[in-house]
Amino acid sequence: MSSKSFQGLKEQAEGAAKDAANALGQATQDAVNQITEASQKAFDKASKTAQDGVEKVAGQAAEAMSGFGKKSGLKK
């Protein structure tokens, strides 16, 4: 095998290795992006659920205090 054809094979192999590395890097970045997006959605949902719970408890507390005021004669 001549050194010229060996050089050509070497360059092809290097090109293929670079392409494979780039593809792996892109796949890794895509996976990270998907995980980040899923994590953000989960966090947003948990935050919304917590906020809804706080608002519900606050509403119940206000109703309870209103009822207490009526029972104690402070409110009519």
PDB file of N, CA and C in Angstrom:
ATOM      1  N   MET A   1       0.848  -1.171   0.000  1.00  0.00           N
ATOM      2  CA  MET A   1       0.000   0.000   0.000  1.00  0.00           C
ATOM      3  C   MET A   1       0.894   1.234   0.000  1.00  0.00           C
ATOM      4  N   SER A   2       0.610   2.142  -0.888  1.00  0.00           N
ATOM      5  CA  SER A   2       1.445   3.335  -0.987  1.00  0.00           C
ATOM      6  C   SER A   2       1.131   4.282   0.154  1.00  0.00           C
ATOM      7  N   SER A   3       2.080   5.134   0.448  1.00  0.00           N
ATOM      8  CA  SER A   3       1.887   6.092   1.535  1.00  0.00           C
ATOM      9  C   SER A   3       0.762   7.067   1.215  1.00  0.00           C
ATOM     10  N   LYS A   4       0.531   7.295  -0.080  1.00  0.00           N
ATOM     11  CA  LYS A   4      -0.547   8.208  -0.485  1.00  0.00           C
ATOM     12  C   LYS A   4      -1.910   7.605  -0.146  1.00  0.00           C
ATOM     13  N   SER A   5      -2.106   6.325  -0.445  1.00  0.00           N
ATOM     14  CA  SER A   5      -3.394   5.702  -0.133  1.00  0.00           C
ATOM     15  C   SER A   5      -3.550   5.525   1.379  1.00  0.00           C
ATOM     16  N   PHE A   6      -2.431   5.256   2.070  1.00  0.00           N
ATOM     17  CA  PHE A   6      -2.492   5.170   3.524  1.00  0.00           C
ATOM     18  C   PHE A   6      -2.907   6.522   4.114  1.00  0.00           C
ATOM     19  N   GLN A   7      -2.355   7.595   3.589  1.00  0.00           N
ATOM     20  CA  GLN A   7      -2.692   8.943   4.056  1.00  0.00           C
ATOM     21  C   GLN A   7      -4.180   9.214   3.816  1.00  0.00           C
ATOM     22  N   GLY A   8      -4.693   8.777   2.674  1.00  0.00           N
ATOM     23  CA  GLY A   8      -6.110   8.952   2.367  1.00  0.00           C
ATOM     24  C   GLY A   8      -6.995   8.202   3.336  1.00  0.00           C
ATOM     25  N   LEU A   9      -6.595   6.961   3.646  1.00  0.00           N
ATOM     26  CA  LEU A   9      -7.367   6.178   4.615  1.00  0.00           C
ATOM     27  C   LEU A   9      -7.311   6.814   5.998  1.00  0.00           C
ATOM     28  N   LYS A  10      -6.136   7.320   6.338  1.00  0.00           N
ATOM     29  CA  LYS A  10      -5.976   7.973   7.643  1.00  0.00           C
ATOM     30  C   LYS A  10      -6.883   9.196   7.737  1.00  0.00           C
ATOM     31  N   GLU A  11      -6.924   9.976   6.683  1.00  0.00           N
ATOM     32  CA  GLU A  11      -7.770  11.171   6.677  1.00  0.00           C
ATOM     33  C   GLU A  11      -9.252  10.804   6.741  1.00  0.00           C
ATOM     34  N   GLN A  12      -9.631   9.751   6.041  1.00  0.00           N
ATOM     35  CA  GLN A  12     -11.020   9.296   6.101  1.00  0.00           C
ATOM     36  C   GLN A  12     -11.386   8.840   7.515  1.00  0.00           C
ATOM     37  N   ALA A  13     -10.461   8.093   8.117  1.00  0.00           N
ATOM     38  CA  ALA A  13     -10.715   7.608   9.477  1.00  0.00           C
ATOM     39  C   ALA A  13     -10.820   8.778  10.455  1.00  0.00           C
ATOM     40  N   GLU A  14      -9.926   9.761  10.303  1.00  0.00           N
ATOM     41  CA  GLU A  14      -9.985  10.944  11.177  1.00  0.00           C
ATOM     42  C   GLU A  14     -11.287  11.712  10.965  1.00  0.00           C
ATOM     43  N   GLY A  15     -11.698  11.835   9.702  1.00  0.00           N
ATOM     44  CA  GLY A  15     -12.958  12.520   9.402  1.00  0.00           C
ATOM     45  C   GLY A  15     -14.140  11.787  10.002  1.00  0.00           C
ATOM     46  N   ALA A  16     -14.128  10.463   9.885  1.00  0.00           N
ATOM     47  CA  ALA A  16     -15.217   9.662  10.454  1.00  0.00           C
ATOM     48  C   ALA A  16     -15.236   9.778  11.974  1.00  0.00           C
ATOM     49  N   ALA A  17     -14.062   9.796  12.582  1.00  0.00           N
ATOM     50  CA  ALA A  17     -13.978   9.932  14.045  1.00  0.00           C
ATOM     51  C   ALA A  17     -14.502  11.295  14.490  1.00  0.00           C
ATOM     52  N   LYS A  18     -14.151  12.344  13.741  1.00  0.00           N
ATOM     53  CA  LYS A  18     -14.646  13.689  14.069  1.00  0.00           C
ATOM     54  C   LYS A  18     -16.165  13.759  13.915  1.00  0.00           C
ATOM     55  N   ASP A  19     -16.672  13.159  12.832  1.00  0.00           N
ATOM     56  CA  ASP A  19     -18.121  13.137  12.620  1.00  0.00           C
ATOM     57  C   ASP A  19     -18.829  12.401  13.756  1.00  0.00           C
ATOM     58  N   ALA A  20     -18.253  11.278  14.159  1.00  0.00           N
ATOM     59  CA  ALA A  20     -18.844  10.495  15.247  1.00  0.00           C
ATOM     60  C   ALA A  20     -18.812  11.291  16.552  1.00  0.00           C
ATOM     61  N   ALA A  21     -17.703  11.971  16.807  1.00  0.00           N
ATOM     62  CA  ALA A  21     -17.595  12.782  18.027  1.00  0.00           C
ATOM     63  C   ALA A  21     -18.601  13.925  18.004  1.00  0.00           C
ATOM     64  N   ASN A  22     -18.758  14.557  16.845  1.00  0.00           N
ATOM     65  CA  ASN A  22     -19.735  15.642  16.732  1.00  0.00           C
ATOM     66  C   ASN A  22     -21.155  15.131  16.936  1.00  0.00           C
ATOM     67  N   ALA A  23     -21.451  13.963  16.363  1.00  0.00           N
ATOM     68  CA  ALA A  23     -22.786  13.375  16.519  1.00  0.00           C
ATOM     69  C   ALA A  23     -23.040  13.026  17.981  1.00  0.00           C
ATOM     70  N   LEU A  24     -22.033  12.479  18.643  1.00  0.00           N
ATOM     71  CA  LEU A  24     -22.171  12.146  20.061  1.00  0.00           C
ATOM     72  C   LEU A  24     -22.365  13.415  20.892  1.00  0.00           C
ATOM     73  N   GLY A  25     -21.606  14.438  20.579  1.00  0.00           N
ATOM     74  CA  GLY A  25     -21.748  15.709  21.296  1.00  0.00           C
ATOM     75  C   GLY A  25     -23.133  16.300  21.118  1.00  0.00           C
ATOM     76  N   GLN A  26     -23.664  16.243  19.897  1.00  0.00           N
ATOM     77  CA  GLN A  26     -25.003  16.774  19.637  1.00  0.00           C
ATOM     78  C   GLN A  26     -26.062  15.938  20.350  1.00  0.00           C
ATOM     79  N   ALA A  27     -25.908  14.618  20.326  1.00  0.00           N
ATOM     80  CA  ALA A  27     -26.862  13.743  21.015  1.00  0.00           C
ATOM     81  C   ALA A  27     -26.844  14.012  22.519  1.00  0.00           C
ATOM     82  N   THR A  28     -25.659  14.220  23.050  1.00  0.00           N
ATOM     83  CA  THR A  28     -25.540  14.531  24.479  1.00  0.00           C
ATOM     84  C   THR A  28     -26.216  15.860  24.797  1.00  0.00           C
ATOM     85  N   GLN A  29     -25.991  16.867  23.965  1.00  0.00           N
ATOM     86  CA  GLN A  29     -26.611  18.174  24.184  1.00  0.00           C
ATOM     87  C   GLN A  29     -28.129  18.075  24.084  1.00  0.00           C
ATOM     88  N   ASP A  30     -28.613  17.308  23.120  1.00  0.00           N
ATOM     89  CA  ASP A  30     -30.055  17.112  22.974  1.00  0.00           C
ATOM     90  C   ASP A  30     -30.639  16.451  24.221  1.00  0.00           C
ATOM     91  N   ALA A  31     -29.942  15.451  24.748  1.00  0.00           N
ATOM     92  CA  ALA A  31     -30.412  14.767  25.955  1.00  0.00           C
ATOM     93  C   ALA A  31     -30.431  15.728  27.140  1.00  0.00           C
ATOM     94  N   VAL A  32     -29.395  16.530  27.275  1.00  0.00           N
ATOM     95  CA  VAL A  32     -29.337  17.516  28.360  1.00  0.00           C
ATOM     96  C   VAL A  32     -30.494  18.508  28.230  1.00  0.00           C
ATOM     97  N   ASN A  33     -30.762  18.962  27.013  1.00  0.00           N
ATOM     98  CA  ASN A  33     -31.862  19.895  26.789  1.00  0.00           C
ATOM     99  C   ASN A  33     -33.201  19.275  27.164  1.00  0.00           C
ATOM    100  N   GLN A  34     -33.402  18.014  26.805  1.00  0.00           N
ATOM    101  CA  GLN A  34     -34.652  17.334  27.136  1.00  0.00           C
ATOM    102  C   GLN A  34     -34.801  17.177  28.645  1.00  0.00           C
ATOM    103  N   ILE A  35     -33.719  16.813  29.311  1.00  0.00           N
ATOM    104  CA  ILE A  35     -33.761  16.656  30.764  1.00  0.00           C
ATOM    105  C   ILE A  35     -34.037  17.995  31.432  1.00  0.00           C
ATOM    106  N   THR A  36     -33.392  19.043  30.942  1.00  0.00           N
ATOM    107  CA  THR A  36     -33.605  20.381  31.497  1.00  0.00           C
ATOM    108  C   THR A  36     -35.052  20.811  31.330  1.00  0.00           C
ATOM    109  N   GLU A  37     -35.600  20.586  30.144  1.00  0.00           N
ATOM    110  CA  GLU A  37     -36.990  20.971  29.876  1.00  0.00           C
ATOM    111  C   GLU A  37     -37.952  20.173  30.757  1.00  0.00           C
ATOM    112  N   ALA A  38     -37.718  18.879  30.879  1.00  0.00           N
ATOM    113  CA  ALA A  38     -38.578  18.043  31.719  1.00  0.00           C
ATOM    114  C   ALA A  38     -38.484  18.456  33.179  1.00  0.00           C
ATOM    115  N   SER A  39     -37.281  18.784  33.624  1.00  0.00           N
ATOM    116  CA  SER A  39     -37.093  19.230  35.001  1.00  0.00           C
ATOM    117  C   SER A  39     -37.822  20.544  35.252  1.00  0.00           C
ATOM    118  N   GLN A  40     -37.733  21.454  34.295  1.00  0.00           N
ATOM    119  CA  GLN A  40     -38.407  22.747  34.439  1.00  0.00           C
ATOM    120  C   GLN A  40     -39.920  22.569  34.495  1.00  0.00           C
ATOM    121  N   LYS A  41     -40.451  21.683  33.636  1.00  0.00           N
ATOM    122  CA  LYS A  41     -41.890  21.416  33.644  1.00  0.00           C
ATOM    123  C   LYS A  41     -42.316  20.816  34.980  1.00  0.00           C
ATOM    124  N   ALA A  42     -41.531  19.886  35.494  1.00  0.00           N
ATOM    125  CA  ALA A  42     -41.854  19.262  36.785  1.00  0.00           C
ATOM    126  C   ALA A  42     -41.805  20.297  37.902  1.00  0.00           C
ATOM    127  N   PHE A  43     -40.804  21.162  37.872  1.00  0.00           N
ATOM    128  CA  PHE A  43     -40.682  22.209  38.887  1.00  0.00           C
ATOM    129  C   PHE A  43     -41.859  23.181  38.799  1.00  0.00           C
ATOM    130  N   ASP A  44     -42.216  23.575  37.568  1.00  0.00           N
ATOM    131  CA  ASP A  44     -43.348  24.488  37.378  1.00  0.00           C
ATOM    132  C   ASP A  44     -44.639  23.867  37.912  1.00  0.00           C
ATOM    133  N   LYS A  45     -44.842  22.575  37.627  1.00  0.00           N
ATOM    134  CA  LYS A  45     -46.050  21.901  38.098  1.00  0.00           C
ATOM    135  C   LYS A  45     -46.059  21.812  39.620  1.00  0.00           C
ATOM    136  N   ALA A  46     -44.926  21.486  40.215  1.00  0.00           N
ATOM    137  CA  ALA A  46     -44.846  21.407  41.678  1.00  0.00           C
ATOM    138  C   ALA A  46     -45.094  22.773  42.306  1.00  0.00           C
ATOM    139  N   SER A  47     -44.548  23.814  41.689  1.00  0.00           N
ATOM    140  CA  SER A  47     -44.756  25.169  42.205  1.00  0.00           C
ATOM    141  C   SER A  47     -46.227  25.567  42.121  1.00  0.00           C
ATOM    142  N   LYS A  48     -46.861  25.229  40.999  1.00  0.00           N
ATOM    143  CA  LYS A  48     -48.283  25.545  40.814  1.00  0.00           C
ATOM    144  C   LYS A  48     -49.126  24.793  41.833  1.00  0.00           C
ATOM    145  N   THR A  49     -48.802  23.522  42.041  1.00  0.00           N
ATOM    146  CA  THR A  49     -49.529  22.716  43.010  1.00  0.00           C
ATOM    147  C   THR A  49     -49.373  23.297  44.418  1.00  0.00           C
ATOM    148  N   ALA A  50     -48.155  23.689  44.752  1.00  0.00           N
ATOM    149  CA  ALA A  50     -47.913  24.280  46.073  1.00  0.00           C
ATOM    150  C   ALA A  50     -48.661  25.604  46.216  1.00  0.00           C
ATOM    151  N   GLN A  51     -48.620  26.437  45.174  1.00  0.00           N
ATOM    152  CA  GLN A  51     -49.319  27.728  45.216  1.00  0.00           C
ATOM    153  C   GLN A  51     -50.820  27.523  45.357  1.00  0.00           C
ATOM    154  N   ASP A  52     -51.362  26.566  44.617  1.00  0.00           N
ATOM    155  CA  ASP A  52     -52.790  26.268  44.728  1.00  0.00           C
ATOM    156  C   ASP A  52     -53.139  25.825  46.143  1.00  0.00           C
ATOM    157  N   GLY A  53     -52.273  25.014  46.728  1.00  0.00           N
ATOM    158  CA  GLY A  53     -52.495  24.548  48.102  1.00  0.00           C
ATOM    159  C   GLY A  53     -52.468  25.698  49.095  1.00  0.00           C
ATOM    160  N   VAL A  54     -51.522  26.598  48.920  1.00  0.00           N
ATOM    161  CA  VAL A  54     -51.419  27.765  49.812  1.00  0.00           C
ATOM    162  C   VAL A  54     -52.669  28.630  49.685  1.00  0.00           C
ATOM    163  N   GLU A  55     -53.115  28.845  48.460  1.00  0.00           N
ATOM    164  CA  GLU A  55     -54.308  29.665  48.256  1.00  0.00           C
ATOM    165  C   GLU A  55     -55.544  29.001  48.853  1.00  0.00           C
ATOM    166  N   LYS A  56     -55.645  27.692  48.727  1.00  0.00           N
ATOM    167  CA  LYS A  56     -56.784  26.965  49.296  1.00  0.00           C
ATOM    168  C   LYS A  56     -56.769  27.066  50.822  1.00  0.00           C
ATOM    169  N   VAL A  57     -55.617  26.863  51.420  1.00  0.00           N
ATOM    170  CA  VAL A  57     -55.503  26.942  52.884  1.00  0.00           C
ATOM    171  C   VAL A  57     -55.800  28.358  53.363  1.00  0.00           C
ATOM    172  N   ALA A  58     -55.300  29.347  52.635  1.00  0.00           N
ATOM    173  CA  ALA A  58     -55.554  30.733  53.009  1.00  0.00           C
ATOM    174  C   ALA A  58     -57.047  31.037  52.944  1.00  0.00           C
ATOM    175  N   GLY A  59     -57.704  30.545  51.907  1.00  0.00           N
ATOM    176  CA  GLY A  59     -59.146  30.736  51.775  1.00  0.00           C
ATOM    177  C   GLY A  59     -59.908  30.054  52.895  1.00  0.00           C
ATOM    178  N   GLN A  60     -59.497  28.839  53.239  1.00  0.00           N
ATOM    179  CA  GLN A  60     -60.147  28.117  54.327  1.00  0.00           C
ATOM    180  C   GLN A  60     -59.923  28.821  55.663  1.00  0.00           C
ATOM    181  N   ALA A  61     -58.728  29.355  55.849  1.00  0.00           N
ATOM    182  CA  ALA A  61     -58.432  30.072  57.090  1.00  0.00           C
ATOM    183  C   ALA A  61     -59.286  31.336  57.190  1.00  0.00           C
ATOM    184  N   ALA A  62     -59.443  32.028  56.061  1.00  0.00           N
ATOM    185  CA  ALA A  62     -60.260  33.237  56.056  1.00  0.00           C
ATOM    186  C   ALA A  62     -61.713  32.896  56.369  1.00  0.00           C
ATOM    187  N   GLU A  63     -62.204  31.808  55.788  1.00  0.00           N
ATOM    188  CA  GLU A  63     -63.573  31.380  56.075  1.00  0.00           C
ATOM    189  C   GLU A  63     -63.723  30.991  57.540  1.00  0.00           C
ATOM    190  N   ALA A  64     -62.741  30.299  58.072  1.00  0.00           N
ATOM    191  CA  ALA A  64     -62.797  29.884  59.471  1.00  0.00           C
ATOM    192  C   ALA A  64     -62.794  31.098  60.392  1.00  0.00           C
ATOM    193  N   MET A  65     -61.968  32.076  60.091  1.00  0.00           N
ATOM    194  CA  MET A  65     -61.915  33.292  60.918  1.00  0.00           C
ATOM    195  C   MET A  65     -63.217  34.073  60.794  1.00  0.00           C
ATOM    196  N   SER A  66     -63.789  34.098  59.616  1.00  0.00           N
ATOM    197  CA  SER A  66     -65.065  34.779  59.408  1.00  0.00           C
ATOM    198  C   SER A  66     -66.145  34.091  60.233  1.00  0.00           C
ATOM    199  N   GLY A  67     -66.147  32.763  60.179  1.00  0.00           N
ATOM    200  CA  GLY A  67     -67.115  32.004  60.975  1.00  0.00           C
ATOM    201  C   GLY A  67     -66.891  32.203  62.459  1.00  0.00           C
ATOM    202  N   PHE A  68     -65.659  32.258  62.881  1.00  0.00           N
ATOM    203  CA  PHE A  68     -65.337  32.484  64.298  1.00  0.00           C
ATOM    204  C   PHE A  68     -65.827  33.861  64.736  1.00  0.00           C
ATOM    205  N   GLY A  69     -65.630  34.850  63.857  1.00  0.00           N
ATOM    206  CA  GLY A  69     -66.087  36.219  64.181  1.00  0.00           C
ATOM    207  C   GLY A  69     -67.597  36.266  64.326  1.00  0.00           C
ATOM    208  N   LYS A  70     -68.302  35.561  63.469  1.00  0.00           N
ATOM    209  CA  LYS A  70     -69.775  35.537  63.549  1.00  0.00           C
ATOM    210  C   LYS A  70     -70.225  34.834  64.817  1.00  0.00           C
ATOM    211  N   LYS A  71     -69.582  33.724  65.144  1.00  0.00           N
ATOM    212  CA  LYS A  71     -69.952  32.964  66.348  1.00  0.00           C
ATOM    213  C   LYS A  71     -69.652  33.729  67.633  1.00  0.00           C
ATOM    214  N   SER A  72     -68.604  34.510  67.625  1.00  0.00           N
ATOM    215  CA  SER A  72     -68.225  35.220  68.842  1.00  0.00           C
ATOM    216  C   SER A  72     -68.915  36.568  68.955  1.00  0.00           C
ATOM    217  N   GLY A  73     -69.703  36.926  67.955  1.00  0.00           N
ATOM    218  CA  GLY A  73     -70.440  38.174  67.997  1.00  0.00           C
ATOM    219  C   GLY A  73     -69.647  39.373  67.517  1.00  0.00           C
ATOM    220  N   LEU A  74     -68.473  39.138  66.987  1.00  0.00           N
ATOM    221  CA  LEU A  74     -67.663  40.250  66.468  1.00  0.00           C
ATOM    222  C   LEU A  74     -68.146  40.693  65.101  1.00  0.00           C
ATOM    223  N   LYS A  75     -68.784  39.784  64.369  1.00  0.00           N
ATOM    224  CA  LYS A  75     -69.277  40.079  63.022  1.00  0.00           C
ATOM    225  C   LYS A  75     -70.731  39.695  62.941  1.00  0.00           C
ATOM    226  N   LYS A  76     -71.446  40.402  62.135  1.00  0.00           N
ATOM    227  CA  LYS A  76     -72.850  40.050  61.940  1.00  0.00           C
ATOM    228  C   LYS A  76     -73.092  39.661  60.525  1.00  0.00           C
TER     229      LYS A  76
END
